[in-house]
């Protein structure tokens, strides 16, 4: 703020009072006025850009949550119809009977990232979950059923600060619905 006061006082000391009053609109802007405007715009954009990026990221992760919710509903319908969940598939492969699963070779996935359906044996049953690889398109979440035994969304930032993966766990399931 002191910097702006100094600039304004320098400007006012160089310009006679009579010419300050005699300015008309056809004269345009001085270099100092443009400099001050540029500095203000720079400061505002420095503050606004991270907030804008965070808002865009929230939108993309919200979209991923919607896709994962659709996959979850289809998995539960598959289990009710067939008596078990589909077998585990490789990353970016569509599980049998799941129409909602969007593959990464389309522009429909947020960040053009990938989803992975997982059905892991664990403690006499299995853990069923859907992983979204996030903005960096790299899996950072564990690839086994040792975590996420409770249903719900997880982001694994407690385990790995750099992880941007999003996980929807259907929780631990009894052996008879696991399809192993």
N, C-alpha and C. Protein backbone atom coordinates (compact mmCIF):
# COMPACT_ATOMS: atom_id res chain seq x y z
N UNK A 1 0.82 -1.18 0.00
CA UNK A 1 0.00 0.00 0.00
C UNK A 1 0.87 1.25 0.00
N UNK A 2 1.97 1.19 0.73
CA UNK A 2 2.89 2.31 0.78
C UNK A 2 3.44 2.60 -0.61
N UNK A 3 3.69 1.55 -1.38
CA UNK A 3 4.20 1.69 -2.74
C UNK A 3 3.24 2.52 -3.59
N UNK A 4 1.95 2.24 -3.48
CA UNK A 4 0.95 2.99 -4.26
C UNK A 4 0.89 4.45 -3.82
N UNK A 5 1.00 4.70 -2.51
CA UNK A 5 0.98 6.08 -2.03
C UNK A 5 2.16 6.87 -2.57
N UNK A 6 3.34 6.24 -2.60
CA UNK A 6 4.53 6.91 -3.14
C UNK A 6 4.35 7.20 -4.62
N UNK A 7 3.83 6.22 -5.37
CA UNK A 7 3.61 6.44 -6.81
C UNK A 7 2.64 7.58 -7.06
N UNK A 8 1.57 7.62 -6.29
CA UNK A 8 0.56 8.68 -6.47
C UNK A 8 1.15 10.03 -6.09
N UNK A 9 1.90 10.11 -4.99
CA UNK A 9 2.48 11.40 -4.59
C UNK A 9 3.51 11.87 -5.60
N UNK A 10 4.30 10.95 -6.18
CA UNK A 10 5.25 11.33 -7.23
C UNK A 10 4.51 11.87 -8.45
N UNK A 11 3.46 11.21 -8.80
CA UNK A 11 2.68 11.64 -9.95
C UNK A 11 2.09 13.03 -9.71
N UNK A 12 1.50 13.23 -8.56
CA UNK A 12 0.86 14.51 -8.26
C UNK A 12 1.89 15.63 -8.13
N UNK A 13 3.10 15.33 -7.66
CA UNK A 13 4.11 16.37 -7.52
C UNK A 13 4.66 16.81 -8.87
N UNK A 14 4.61 15.98 -9.87
CA UNK A 14 5.14 16.31 -11.21
C UNK A 14 4.13 17.05 -12.07
N UNK A 15 2.85 16.91 -11.75
CA UNK A 15 1.80 17.51 -12.58
C UNK A 15 1.27 18.76 -11.89
N UNK A 16 1.35 19.93 -12.55
CA UNK A 16 0.82 21.15 -11.94
C UNK A 16 -0.69 21.03 -11.74
N UNK A 17 -1.17 21.73 -10.71
CA UNK A 17 -2.59 21.67 -10.36
C UNK A 17 -3.46 22.15 -11.50
N UNK A 18 -3.04 23.19 -12.20
CA UNK A 18 -3.85 23.71 -13.30
C UNK A 18 -4.02 22.69 -14.40
N UNK A 19 -2.96 21.89 -14.67
CA UNK A 19 -3.10 20.88 -15.73
C UNK A 19 -3.92 19.69 -15.26
N UNK A 20 -3.96 19.46 -13.94
CA UNK A 20 -4.81 18.37 -13.44
C UNK A 20 -6.27 18.67 -13.71
N UNK A 21 -6.64 19.93 -13.53
CA UNK A 21 -8.03 20.32 -13.75
C UNK A 21 -8.35 20.44 -15.23
N UNK A 22 -7.34 20.71 -16.04
CA UNK A 22 -7.58 20.96 -17.45
C UNK A 22 -7.59 19.69 -18.29
N UNK A 23 -7.35 18.55 -17.67
CA UNK A 23 -7.35 17.31 -18.45
C UNK A 23 -8.71 17.09 -19.08
N UNK A 24 -8.69 16.65 -20.30
CA UNK A 24 -9.96 16.27 -20.91
C UNK A 24 -9.90 14.80 -21.28
N UNK A 25 -11.01 14.23 -21.65
CA UNK A 25 -11.08 12.79 -21.88
C UNK A 25 -10.33 12.35 -23.14
N UNK A 26 -10.03 13.27 -24.03
CA UNK A 26 -9.34 12.90 -25.26
C UNK A 26 -7.85 12.69 -25.05
N UNK A 27 -7.35 13.06 -23.89
CA UNK A 27 -5.91 12.99 -23.65
C UNK A 27 -5.42 11.56 -23.44
N UNK A 28 -6.23 10.65 -22.89
CA UNK A 28 -5.83 9.27 -22.67
C UNK A 28 -5.23 9.05 -21.30
N UNK A 29 -4.58 7.90 -21.12
CA UNK A 29 -4.01 7.52 -19.83
C UNK A 29 -2.51 7.78 -19.83
N UNK A 30 -1.98 8.10 -18.67
CA UNK A 30 -0.53 8.27 -18.53
C UNK A 30 0.09 6.90 -18.30
N UNK A 31 1.39 6.86 -18.46
CA UNK A 31 2.12 5.61 -18.26
C UNK A 31 1.99 5.13 -16.81
N UNK A 32 2.01 6.05 -15.88
CA UNK A 32 1.88 5.69 -14.47
C UNK A 32 0.50 5.09 -14.17
N UNK A 33 -0.54 5.65 -14.74
CA UNK A 33 -1.88 5.10 -14.55
C UNK A 33 -1.97 3.69 -15.11
N UNK A 34 -1.39 3.47 -16.27
CA UNK A 34 -1.39 2.13 -16.86
C UNK A 34 -0.58 1.16 -16.01
N UNK A 35 0.54 1.63 -15.46
CA UNK A 35 1.38 0.79 -14.61
C UNK A 35 0.61 0.37 -13.35
N UNK A 36 -0.04 1.32 -12.71
CA UNK A 36 -0.81 1.01 -11.51
C UNK A 36 -1.96 0.05 -11.84
N UNK A 37 -2.64 0.28 -12.94
CA UNK A 37 -3.73 -0.62 -13.35
C UNK A 37 -3.20 -2.03 -13.60
N UNK A 38 -2.06 -2.13 -14.26
CA UNK A 38 -1.45 -3.44 -14.53
C UNK A 38 -1.09 -4.16 -13.25
N UNK A 39 -0.56 -3.43 -12.28
CA UNK A 39 -0.20 -4.04 -11.00
C UNK A 39 -1.45 -4.55 -10.29
N UNK A 40 -2.50 -3.77 -10.29
CA UNK A 40 -3.75 -4.18 -9.63
C UNK A 40 -4.33 -5.42 -10.31
N UNK A 41 -4.36 -5.43 -11.63
CA UNK A 41 -4.87 -6.60 -12.36
C UNK A 41 -4.01 -7.83 -12.07
N UNK A 42 -2.69 -7.65 -12.00
CA UNK A 42 -1.80 -8.77 -11.69
C UNK A 42 -2.05 -9.35 -10.32
N UNK A 43 -2.24 -8.48 -9.34
CA UNK A 43 -2.51 -8.94 -7.97
C UNK A 43 -3.84 -9.69 -7.92
N UNK A 44 -4.86 -9.13 -8.55
CA UNK A 44 -6.18 -9.78 -8.54
C UNK A 44 -6.14 -11.14 -9.24
N UNK A 45 -5.42 -11.23 -10.36
CA UNK A 45 -5.35 -12.51 -11.07
C UNK A 45 -4.55 -13.53 -10.27
N UNK A 46 -3.54 -13.09 -9.53
CA UNK A 46 -2.78 -14.00 -8.69
C UNK A 46 -3.66 -14.59 -7.60
N UNK A 47 -4.57 -13.81 -7.09
CA UNK A 47 -5.48 -14.29 -6.05
C UNK A 47 -6.59 -15.16 -6.65
N UNK A 48 -7.11 -14.77 -7.80
CA UNK A 48 -8.28 -15.44 -8.38
C UNK A 48 -7.95 -16.76 -9.07
N UNK A 49 -6.78 -16.89 -9.68
CA UNK A 49 -6.46 -18.08 -10.47
C UNK A 49 -6.50 -19.37 -9.64
N UNK A 50 -5.85 -19.44 -8.47
CA UNK A 50 -5.95 -20.69 -7.69
C UNK A 50 -7.38 -21.03 -7.28
N UNK A 51 -8.17 -20.02 -6.96
CA UNK A 51 -9.57 -20.28 -6.60
C UNK A 51 -10.34 -20.83 -7.79
N UNK A 52 -10.07 -20.30 -8.97
CA UNK A 52 -10.72 -20.78 -10.20
C UNK A 52 -10.33 -22.24 -10.47
N UNK A 53 -9.05 -22.55 -10.35
CA UNK A 53 -8.58 -23.92 -10.59
C UNK A 53 -9.19 -24.88 -9.58
N UNK A 54 -9.27 -24.46 -8.32
CA UNK A 54 -9.89 -25.31 -7.29
C UNK A 54 -11.36 -25.58 -7.59
N UNK A 55 -12.05 -24.58 -8.12
CA UNK A 55 -13.46 -24.75 -8.48
C UNK A 55 -13.61 -25.74 -9.63
N UNK A 56 -12.75 -25.64 -10.63
CA UNK A 56 -12.78 -26.57 -11.76
C UNK A 56 -12.49 -27.99 -11.28
N UNK A 57 -11.50 -28.15 -10.38
CA UNK A 57 -11.19 -29.47 -9.84
C UNK A 57 -12.38 -30.06 -9.08
N UNK A 58 -13.06 -29.24 -8.28
CA UNK A 58 -14.25 -29.72 -7.56
C UNK A 58 -15.30 -30.22 -8.54
N UNK A 59 -15.49 -29.49 -9.62
CA UNK A 59 -16.46 -29.90 -10.64
C UNK A 59 -16.09 -31.26 -11.22
N UNK A 60 -14.81 -31.44 -11.59
CA UNK A 60 -14.39 -32.71 -12.20
C UNK A 60 -14.53 -33.88 -11.22
N UNK A 61 -14.14 -33.67 -9.97
CA UNK A 61 -14.28 -34.75 -8.99
C UNK A 61 -15.74 -35.03 -8.66
N UNK A 62 -16.58 -34.00 -8.70
CA UNK A 62 -18.02 -34.21 -8.53
C UNK A 62 -18.59 -35.05 -9.67
N UNK A 63 -18.11 -34.77 -10.88
CA UNK A 63 -18.53 -35.56 -12.04
C UNK A 63 -18.08 -37.01 -11.90
N UNK A 64 -16.85 -37.23 -11.41
CA UNK A 64 -16.35 -38.59 -11.19
C UNK A 64 -17.20 -39.31 -10.15
N UNK A 65 -17.61 -38.58 -9.09
CA UNK A 65 -18.47 -39.20 -8.06
C UNK A 65 -19.81 -39.63 -8.66
N UNK A 66 -20.35 -38.82 -9.57
CA UNK A 66 -21.60 -39.21 -10.23
C UNK A 66 -21.42 -40.48 -11.05
N UNK A 67 -20.34 -40.56 -11.83
CA UNK A 67 -20.07 -41.76 -12.63
C UNK A 67 -19.90 -42.98 -11.72
N UNK A 68 -19.15 -42.80 -10.63
CA UNK A 68 -18.89 -43.92 -9.72
C UNK A 68 -20.18 -44.37 -9.03
N UNK A 69 -21.06 -43.42 -8.72
CA UNK A 69 -22.35 -43.77 -8.13
C UNK A 69 -23.19 -44.59 -9.09
N UNK A 70 -23.14 -44.24 -10.37
CA UNK A 70 -23.87 -45.00 -11.39
C UNK A 70 -23.31 -46.42 -11.49
N UNK A 71 -21.98 -46.54 -11.49
CA UNK A 71 -21.34 -47.86 -11.55
C UNK A 71 -21.75 -48.68 -10.32
N UNK A 72 -21.74 -48.05 -9.15
CA UNK A 72 -22.12 -48.74 -7.91
C UNK A 72 -23.55 -49.28 -8.00
N UNK A 73 -24.48 -48.47 -8.47
CA UNK A 73 -25.87 -48.92 -8.59
C UNK A 73 -25.98 -50.11 -9.54
N UNK A 74 -25.25 -50.07 -10.64
CA UNK A 74 -25.28 -51.20 -11.58
C UNK A 74 -24.63 -52.44 -10.98
N UNK A 75 -23.56 -52.26 -10.21
CA UNK A 75 -22.94 -53.41 -9.54
C UNK A 75 -23.90 -54.05 -8.54
N UNK A 76 -24.60 -53.23 -7.78
CA UNK A 76 -25.56 -53.76 -6.82
C UNK A 76 -26.73 -54.46 -7.52
N UNK A 77 -27.18 -53.90 -8.64
CA UNK A 77 -28.25 -54.54 -9.42
C UNK A 77 -27.75 -55.87 -9.99
N UNK A 78 -26.50 -55.90 -10.47
CA UNK A 78 -25.90 -57.13 -10.99
C UNK A 78 -25.86 -58.19 -9.89
N UNK A 79 -25.45 -57.79 -8.68
CA UNK A 79 -25.38 -58.74 -7.56
C UNK A 79 -26.76 -59.28 -7.20
N UNK A 80 -27.76 -58.41 -7.21
CA UNK A 80 -29.13 -58.87 -6.90
C UNK A 80 -29.65 -59.82 -7.97
N UNK A 81 -29.32 -59.55 -9.22
CA UNK A 81 -29.81 -60.37 -10.33
C UNK A 81 -29.06 -61.70 -10.44
N UNK A 82 -27.73 -61.66 -10.33
CA UNK A 82 -26.90 -62.86 -10.55
C UNK A 82 -26.49 -63.57 -9.27
N UNK A 83 -26.62 -62.88 -8.13
CA UNK A 83 -26.23 -63.49 -6.86
C UNK A 83 -24.80 -63.20 -6.44
N UNK A 84 -24.03 -62.54 -7.30
CA UNK A 84 -22.66 -62.18 -6.94
C UNK A 84 -22.21 -60.96 -7.76
N UNK A 85 -21.07 -60.40 -7.38
CA UNK A 85 -20.50 -59.29 -8.12
C UNK A 85 -19.72 -59.82 -9.31
N UNK A 86 -19.51 -59.00 -10.35
CA UNK A 86 -18.67 -59.45 -11.47
C UNK A 86 -17.24 -59.73 -11.00
N UNK A 87 -16.53 -60.54 -11.77
CA UNK A 87 -15.13 -60.82 -11.46
C UNK A 87 -14.31 -59.54 -11.60
N UNK A 88 -13.17 -59.52 -10.89
CA UNK A 88 -12.24 -58.39 -10.98
C UNK A 88 -11.70 -58.30 -12.41
N UNK A 89 -11.54 -57.08 -12.89
CA UNK A 89 -11.00 -56.86 -14.23
C UNK A 89 -9.80 -55.91 -14.14
N UNK A 90 -9.00 -55.89 -15.19
CA UNK A 90 -7.85 -54.98 -15.23
C UNK A 90 -8.33 -53.54 -15.33
N UNK A 91 -7.42 -52.65 -15.02
CA UNK A 91 -7.73 -51.22 -15.08
C UNK A 91 -8.25 -50.83 -16.45
N UNK A 92 -9.29 -50.03 -16.48
CA UNK A 92 -9.90 -49.50 -17.69
C UNK A 92 -10.66 -50.56 -18.50
N UNK A 93 -10.87 -51.75 -17.92
CA UNK A 93 -11.68 -52.77 -18.56
C UNK A 93 -13.08 -52.71 -17.98
N UNK A 94 -14.07 -52.92 -18.82
CA UNK A 94 -15.46 -52.84 -18.38
C UNK A 94 -15.88 -54.17 -17.76
N UNK A 95 -16.36 -54.15 -16.51
CA UNK A 95 -16.85 -55.39 -15.90
C UNK A 95 -18.09 -55.90 -16.65
N UNK A 96 -18.27 -57.19 -16.68
CA UNK A 96 -19.40 -57.80 -17.37
C UNK A 96 -20.71 -57.26 -16.79
N UNK A 97 -21.61 -56.82 -17.68
CA UNK A 97 -22.93 -56.38 -17.28
C UNK A 97 -23.02 -54.96 -16.74
N UNK A 98 -21.96 -54.20 -16.83
CA UNK A 98 -21.96 -52.83 -16.30
C UNK A 98 -21.90 -51.85 -17.47
N UNK A 99 -23.00 -51.18 -17.72
CA UNK A 99 -23.10 -50.25 -18.86
C UNK A 99 -22.56 -48.85 -18.54
N UNK A 100 -22.61 -48.47 -17.28
CA UNK A 100 -22.24 -47.12 -16.85
C UNK A 100 -20.74 -46.88 -16.88
N UNK A 101 -19.96 -47.93 -16.95
CA UNK A 101 -18.50 -47.82 -16.85
C UNK A 101 -17.96 -47.09 -18.08
N UNK A 102 -17.32 -45.96 -17.86
CA UNK A 102 -16.79 -45.15 -18.97
C UNK A 102 -15.30 -45.40 -19.08
N UNK A 103 -14.85 -45.74 -20.26
CA UNK A 103 -13.42 -46.00 -20.47
C UNK A 103 -12.69 -44.71 -20.77
N UNK A 104 -11.39 -44.70 -20.55
CA UNK A 104 -10.61 -43.46 -20.67
C UNK A 104 -10.37 -43.04 -22.11
N UNK A 105 -10.65 -43.88 -23.09
CA UNK A 105 -10.40 -43.47 -24.47
C UNK A 105 -11.52 -42.59 -25.01
N UNK A 106 -12.39 -42.14 -24.12
CA UNK A 106 -13.43 -41.18 -24.51
C UNK A 106 -13.17 -39.88 -23.77
N UNK A 107 -13.81 -38.82 -24.22
CA UNK A 107 -13.66 -37.54 -23.53
C UNK A 107 -14.70 -37.39 -22.42
N UNK A 108 -15.40 -38.46 -22.10
CA UNK A 108 -16.45 -38.39 -21.08
C UNK A 108 -15.92 -38.51 -19.66
N UNK A 109 -14.69 -39.00 -19.48
CA UNK A 109 -14.15 -39.11 -18.13
C UNK A 109 -13.49 -37.80 -17.74
N UNK A 110 -13.67 -37.37 -16.50
CA UNK A 110 -12.99 -36.16 -16.04
C UNK A 110 -11.48 -36.30 -16.18
N UNK A 111 -10.84 -35.29 -16.70
CA UNK A 111 -9.38 -35.25 -16.95
C UNK A 111 -8.93 -36.35 -17.92
N UNK A 112 -9.84 -36.98 -18.64
CA UNK A 112 -9.53 -38.15 -19.49
C UNK A 112 -8.77 -39.21 -18.70
N UNK A 113 -9.13 -39.35 -17.44
CA UNK A 113 -8.47 -40.31 -16.55
C UNK A 113 -9.15 -41.67 -16.66
N UNK A 114 -8.87 -42.57 -15.72
CA UNK A 114 -9.39 -43.93 -15.81
C UNK A 114 -10.13 -44.34 -14.54
N UNK A 115 -11.03 -45.31 -14.72
CA UNK A 115 -11.71 -45.96 -13.61
C UNK A 115 -11.21 -47.40 -13.54
N UNK A 116 -11.30 -47.99 -12.36
CA UNK A 116 -10.92 -49.39 -12.20
C UNK A 116 -11.90 -50.05 -11.23
N UNK A 117 -12.51 -51.15 -11.66
CA UNK A 117 -13.37 -51.94 -10.79
C UNK A 117 -12.51 -53.00 -10.14
N UNK A 118 -12.65 -53.15 -8.82
CA UNK A 118 -11.83 -54.12 -8.09
C UNK A 118 -12.71 -54.99 -7.21
N UNK A 119 -12.38 -56.28 -7.17
CA UNK A 119 -13.08 -57.26 -6.36
C UNK A 119 -11.99 -58.13 -5.73
N UNK A 120 -11.53 -57.74 -4.52
CA UNK A 120 -10.38 -58.38 -3.88
C UNK A 120 -10.81 -59.29 -2.74
N UNK A 121 -10.20 -60.49 -2.68
CA UNK A 121 -10.43 -61.39 -1.54
C UNK A 121 -9.86 -60.75 -0.28
N UNK A 122 -10.63 -60.85 0.82
CA UNK A 122 -10.17 -60.26 2.07
C UNK A 122 -10.96 -60.83 3.24
N UNK A 123 -10.26 -61.43 4.19
CA UNK A 123 -10.84 -61.89 5.46
C UNK A 123 -12.10 -62.74 5.28
N UNK A 124 -12.03 -63.77 4.47
CA UNK A 124 -13.16 -64.67 4.29
C UNK A 124 -14.27 -64.11 3.43
N UNK A 125 -14.03 -63.04 2.75
CA UNK A 125 -15.00 -62.42 1.85
C UNK A 125 -14.26 -61.63 0.79
N UNK A 126 -14.78 -60.47 0.47
CA UNK A 126 -14.08 -59.63 -0.51
C UNK A 126 -14.40 -58.16 -0.25
N UNK A 127 -13.55 -57.31 -0.77
CA UNK A 127 -13.79 -55.87 -0.75
C UNK A 127 -14.02 -55.46 -2.19
N UNK A 128 -15.16 -54.83 -2.45
CA UNK A 128 -15.51 -54.38 -3.80
C UNK A 128 -15.39 -52.87 -3.82
N UNK A 129 -14.65 -52.35 -4.80
CA UNK A 129 -14.50 -50.90 -4.88
C UNK A 129 -14.25 -50.45 -6.31
N UNK A 130 -14.48 -49.16 -6.52
CA UNK A 130 -14.26 -48.51 -7.81
C UNK A 130 -13.25 -47.40 -7.56
N UNK A 131 -12.19 -47.37 -8.35
CA UNK A 131 -11.16 -46.34 -8.19
C UNK A 131 -11.18 -45.41 -9.40
N UNK A 132 -10.97 -44.13 -9.14
CA UNK A 132 -10.79 -43.12 -10.17
C UNK A 132 -9.38 -42.59 -10.00
N UNK A 133 -8.57 -42.62 -11.07
CA UNK A 133 -7.15 -42.31 -10.96
C UNK A 133 -6.83 -40.83 -10.84
N UNK A 134 -7.82 -39.97 -10.95
CA UNK A 134 -7.63 -38.55 -10.67
C UNK A 134 -6.98 -37.75 -11.78
N UNK A 135 -6.61 -36.53 -11.41
CA UNK A 135 -6.11 -35.54 -12.35
C UNK A 135 -4.82 -35.98 -13.03
N UNK A 136 -3.93 -36.66 -12.29
CA UNK A 136 -2.65 -37.06 -12.88
C UNK A 136 -2.72 -38.39 -13.63
N UNK A 137 -3.87 -39.05 -13.62
CA UNK A 137 -4.13 -40.29 -14.38
C UNK A 137 -3.25 -41.46 -13.94
N UNK A 138 -2.68 -41.38 -12.74
CA UNK A 138 -1.80 -42.43 -12.22
C UNK A 138 -2.41 -42.99 -10.94
N UNK A 139 -2.44 -44.31 -10.83
CA UNK A 139 -2.96 -44.93 -9.60
C UNK A 139 -1.95 -44.69 -8.48
N UNK A 140 -2.46 -44.15 -7.39
CA UNK A 140 -1.64 -43.99 -6.19
C UNK A 140 -2.27 -44.73 -5.01
N UNK A 141 -3.48 -45.22 -5.19
CA UNK A 141 -4.16 -45.95 -4.12
C UNK A 141 -3.69 -47.40 -4.13
N UNK A 142 -3.79 -48.08 -2.99
CA UNK A 142 -3.35 -49.48 -2.94
C UNK A 142 -4.18 -50.37 -3.86
N UNK A 143 -3.56 -51.42 -4.35
CA UNK A 143 -4.25 -52.31 -5.30
C UNK A 143 -4.62 -53.64 -4.65
N UNK A 144 -4.98 -53.59 -3.40
CA UNK A 144 -5.45 -54.81 -2.74
C UNK A 144 -6.62 -54.47 -1.83
N UNK A 145 -7.20 -55.48 -1.27
CA UNK A 145 -8.39 -55.28 -0.45
C UNK A 145 -8.11 -54.99 1.01
N UNK A 146 -6.88 -54.61 1.36
CA UNK A 146 -6.55 -54.41 2.77
C UNK A 146 -7.15 -53.13 3.34
N UNK A 147 -7.53 -52.19 2.52
CA UNK A 147 -8.09 -50.93 2.99
C UNK A 147 -9.53 -50.78 2.52
N UNK A 148 -10.23 -49.85 3.11
CA UNK A 148 -11.57 -49.44 2.68
C UNK A 148 -12.61 -50.55 2.87
N UNK A 149 -12.62 -51.16 4.05
CA UNK A 149 -13.60 -52.21 4.34
C UNK A 149 -14.99 -51.64 4.60
N UNK A 150 -15.08 -50.35 4.91
CA UNK A 150 -16.37 -49.70 5.15
C UNK A 150 -16.84 -49.05 3.85
N UNK A 151 -18.14 -49.08 3.56
CA UNK A 151 -18.64 -48.44 2.34
C UNK A 151 -18.46 -46.92 2.41
N UNK A 152 -18.24 -46.31 1.26
CA UNK A 152 -18.15 -44.86 1.18
C UNK A 152 -17.03 -44.39 0.26
N UNK A 153 -16.92 -43.07 0.15
CA UNK A 153 -15.88 -42.46 -0.67
C UNK A 153 -14.62 -42.24 0.17
N UNK A 154 -13.46 -42.47 -0.45
CA UNK A 154 -12.16 -42.24 0.19
C UNK A 154 -11.28 -41.50 -0.81
N UNK A 155 -10.35 -40.68 -0.27
CA UNK A 155 -9.42 -40.02 -1.18
C UNK A 155 -7.97 -40.36 -0.88
N UNK A 156 -7.69 -41.12 0.15
CA UNK A 156 -6.35 -41.62 0.49
C UNK A 156 -5.32 -40.53 0.78
N UNK A 157 -5.73 -39.31 1.00
CA UNK A 157 -4.75 -38.27 1.32
C UNK A 157 -4.17 -38.45 2.72
N UNK A 158 -4.89 -39.20 3.58
CA UNK A 158 -4.33 -39.48 4.90
C UNK A 158 -3.10 -40.38 4.77
N UNK A 159 -3.13 -41.29 3.81
CA UNK A 159 -2.04 -42.24 3.59
C UNK A 159 -0.94 -41.65 2.72
N UNK A 160 -1.31 -40.92 1.68
CA UNK A 160 -0.35 -40.36 0.73
C UNK A 160 -0.79 -38.94 0.38
N UNK A 161 -0.02 -37.96 0.82
CA UNK A 161 -0.39 -36.55 0.61
C UNK A 161 -0.53 -36.18 -0.86
N UNK A 162 0.19 -36.85 -1.73
CA UNK A 162 0.17 -36.52 -3.16
C UNK A 162 -0.91 -37.26 -3.93
N UNK A 163 -1.63 -38.13 -3.27
CA UNK A 163 -2.65 -38.93 -3.96
C UNK A 163 -3.83 -38.06 -4.37
N UNK A 164 -4.23 -38.21 -5.61
CA UNK A 164 -5.44 -37.52 -6.07
C UNK A 164 -6.49 -38.53 -6.51
N UNK A 165 -6.29 -39.80 -6.14
CA UNK A 165 -7.25 -40.85 -6.48
C UNK A 165 -8.51 -40.68 -5.64
N UNK A 166 -9.62 -41.10 -6.21
CA UNK A 166 -10.90 -41.12 -5.51
C UNK A 166 -11.39 -42.56 -5.53
N UNK A 167 -11.80 -43.07 -4.38
CA UNK A 167 -12.21 -44.47 -4.27
C UNK A 167 -13.62 -44.53 -3.70
N UNK A 168 -14.46 -45.33 -4.34
CA UNK A 168 -15.79 -45.62 -3.80
C UNK A 168 -15.80 -47.09 -3.43
N UNK A 169 -15.84 -47.35 -2.13
CA UNK A 169 -15.86 -48.73 -1.64
C UNK A 169 -17.30 -49.16 -1.40
N UNK A 170 -17.63 -50.35 -1.87
CA UNK A 170 -18.93 -50.94 -1.54
C UNK A 170 -18.80 -51.71 -0.23
N UNK A 171 -17.60 -51.72 0.32
CA UNK A 171 -17.34 -52.34 1.62
C UNK A 171 -17.02 -53.82 1.52
N UNK A 172 -16.81 -54.41 2.68
CA UNK A 172 -16.54 -55.84 2.77
C UNK A 172 -17.81 -56.60 2.45
N UNK A 173 -17.69 -57.66 1.64
CA UNK A 173 -18.84 -58.46 1.22
C UNK A 173 -18.60 -59.92 1.62
N UNK A 174 -19.65 -60.67 1.95
CA UNK A 174 -19.48 -62.08 2.29
C UNK A 174 -19.01 -62.89 1.08
N UNK A 175 -18.35 -64.01 1.36
CA UNK A 175 -17.73 -64.84 0.32
C UNK A 175 -18.70 -65.25 -0.79
N UNK A 176 -19.96 -65.53 -0.45
CA UNK A 176 -20.90 -66.04 -1.45
C UNK A 176 -21.24 -65.04 -2.56
N UNK A 177 -20.97 -63.76 -2.38
CA UNK A 177 -21.26 -62.78 -3.44
C UNK A 177 -19.99 -62.30 -4.14
N UNK A 178 -18.84 -62.92 -3.82
CA UNK A 178 -17.55 -62.40 -4.31
C UNK A 178 -17.16 -62.86 -5.70
N UNK A 179 -17.61 -64.00 -6.17
CA UNK A 179 -17.27 -64.50 -7.50
C UNK A 179 -15.78 -64.76 -7.66
N UNK A 180 -15.19 -65.49 -6.69
CA UNK A 180 -13.77 -65.87 -6.80
C UNK A 180 -13.65 -67.35 -6.97
